[in-house]
Amino acid sequence: MRIAVLTGGGVAPGMNAAVRAVSQRAFHEKWEVLGVRGGYGGLLEGRLEPVEPRRLGGMMHRGGT
């Protein structure tokens, strides 16, 4: 199974936590996780990149998603 994680832009408290939680669960299920760069435009342009578990470390304290 492959999933892509996409946020729609704008500031929303808790988005990094939500992205991290969804990704961690997917890794637990042995799914491939892809990040979408650039929101919906990035999805349409195919700007997908693999997300590795180690990239999730420390994201809770950074701004942006």
C-alpha atoms as a PDB file:
ATOM      1  CA  MET A   1       0.000   0.000   0.000  1.00  0.00           C
ATOM      2  CA  ARG A   2       1.171   3.520  -0.761  1.00  0.00           C
ATOM      3  CA  ILE A   3      -0.187   6.695   0.747  1.00  0.00           C
ATOM      4  CA  ALA A   4       0.585  10.324   0.046  1.00  0.00           C
ATOM      5  CA  VAL A   5       0.493  12.975   2.745  1.00  0.00           C
ATOM      6  CA  LEU A   6      -0.767  16.342   1.540  1.00  0.00           C
ATOM      7  CA  THR A   7      -1.684  19.457   3.478  1.00  0.00           C
ATOM      8  CA  GLY A   8      -3.738  22.238   1.964  1.00  0.00           C
ATOM      9  CA  GLY A   9      -1.672  25.188   3.138  1.00  0.00           C
ATOM     10  CA  GLY A  10      -2.309  27.805   5.728  1.00  0.00           C
ATOM     11  CA  VAL A  11      -1.405  27.715   9.394  1.00  0.00           C
ATOM     12  CA  ALA A  12      -3.208  25.054  11.379  1.00  0.00           C
ATOM     13  CA  PRO A  13      -2.119  24.062  14.875  1.00  0.00           C
ATOM     14  CA  GLY A  14      -1.488  20.363  15.128  1.00  0.00           C
ATOM     15  CA  MET A  15      -0.867  19.628  11.434  1.00  0.00           C
ATOM     16  CA  ASN A  16       2.710  18.471  11.991  1.00  0.00           C
ATOM     17  CA  ALA A  17       1.460  16.146  14.725  1.00  0.00           C
ATOM     18  CA  ALA A  18      -1.248  14.799  12.413  1.00  0.00           C
ATOM     19  CA  VAL A  19       1.183  14.240   9.520  1.00  0.00           C
ATOM     20  CA  ARG A  20       3.615  12.516  11.876  1.00  0.00           C
ATOM     21  CA  ALA A  21       0.907  10.288  13.392  1.00  0.00           C
ATOM     22  CA  VAL A  22      -0.466   9.202  10.011  1.00  0.00           C
ATOM     23  CA  SER A  23       3.046   8.503   8.721  1.00  0.00           C
ATOM     24  CA  GLN A  24       4.066   6.537  11.804  1.00  0.00           C
ATOM     25  CA  ARG A  25       0.973   4.360  11.557  1.00  0.00           C
ATOM     26  CA  ALA A  26       1.639   3.761   7.868  1.00  0.00           C
ATOM     27  CA  PHE A  27       5.229   2.715   8.635  1.00  0.00           C
ATOM     28  CA  HIS A  28       3.915   0.370  11.328  1.00  0.00           C
ATOM     29  CA  GLU A  29       1.670  -1.225   8.683  1.00  0.00           C
ATOM     30  CA  LYS A  30       4.686  -1.487   6.312  1.00  0.00           C
ATOM     31  CA  TRP A  31       3.150   0.977   3.847  1.00  0.00           C
ATOM     32  CA  GLU A  32       5.143   3.304   1.638  1.00  0.00           C
ATOM     33  CA  VAL A  33       4.682   6.972   2.558  1.00  0.00           C
ATOM     34  CA  LEU A  34       5.062   9.760   0.010  1.00  0.00           C
ATOM     35  CA  GLY A  35       5.185  13.456   0.770  1.00  0.00           C
ATOM     36  CA  VAL A  36       3.694  15.973  -1.649  1.00  0.00           C
ATOM     37  CA  ARG A  37       5.742  19.142  -2.165  1.00  0.00           C
ATOM     38  CA  GLY A  38       3.835  22.308  -2.975  1.00  0.00           C
ATOM     39  CA  GLY A  39       0.313  21.362  -1.935  1.00  0.00           C
ATOM     40  CA  TYR A  40      -2.305  20.613  -4.558  1.00  0.00           C
ATOM     41  CA  GLY A  41      -0.149  22.041  -7.355  1.00  0.00           C
ATOM     42  CA  GLY A  42       2.615  19.635  -6.381  1.00  0.00           C
ATOM     43  CA  LEU A  43       0.158  16.750  -6.488  1.00  0.00           C
ATOM     44  CA  LEU A  44      -0.953  17.690  -9.996  1.00  0.00           C
ATOM     45  CA  GLU A  45       2.674  18.103 -11.096  1.00  0.00           C
ATOM     46  CA  GLY A  46       3.711  14.790  -9.554  1.00  0.00           C
ATOM     47  CA  ARG A  47       6.094  16.289  -6.987  1.00  0.00           C
ATOM     48  CA  LEU A  48       6.024  13.261  -4.722  1.00  0.00           C
ATOM     49  CA  GLU A  49       8.971  12.086  -2.688  1.00  0.00           C
ATOM     50  CA  PRO A  50       9.444   9.147  -0.340  1.00  0.00           C
ATOM     51  CA  VAL A  51       9.264   9.920   3.366  1.00  0.00           C
ATOM     52  CA  GLU A  52      11.661   8.031   5.597  1.00  0.00           C
ATOM     53  CA  PRO A  53      10.889   7.493   9.299  1.00  0.00           C
ATOM     54  CA  ARG A  54      14.009   9.401  10.353  1.00  0.00           C
ATOM     55  CA  ARG A  55      12.680  12.564   8.642  1.00  0.00           C
ATOM     56  CA  LEU A  56       9.829  12.707  11.141  1.00  0.00           C
ATOM     57  CA  GLY A  57      12.133  13.297  14.104  1.00  0.00           C
ATOM     58  CA  GLY A  58      11.898  16.831  15.474  1.00  0.00           C
ATOM     59  CA  MET A  59       9.076  17.913  13.161  1.00  0.00           C
ATOM     60  CA  MET A  60       6.724  18.584  16.069  1.00  0.00           C
ATOM     61  CA  HIS A  61       8.706  21.694  17.019  1.00  0.00           C
ATOM     62  CA  ARG A  62       9.136  23.197  13.536  1.00  0.00           C
ATOM     63  CA  GLY A  63       6.766  25.564  11.825  1.00  0.00           C
ATOM     64  CA  GLY A  64       5.072  24.692   8.534  1.00  0.00           C
ATOM     65  CA  THR A  65       3.996  21.267   7.344  1.00  0.00           C
END
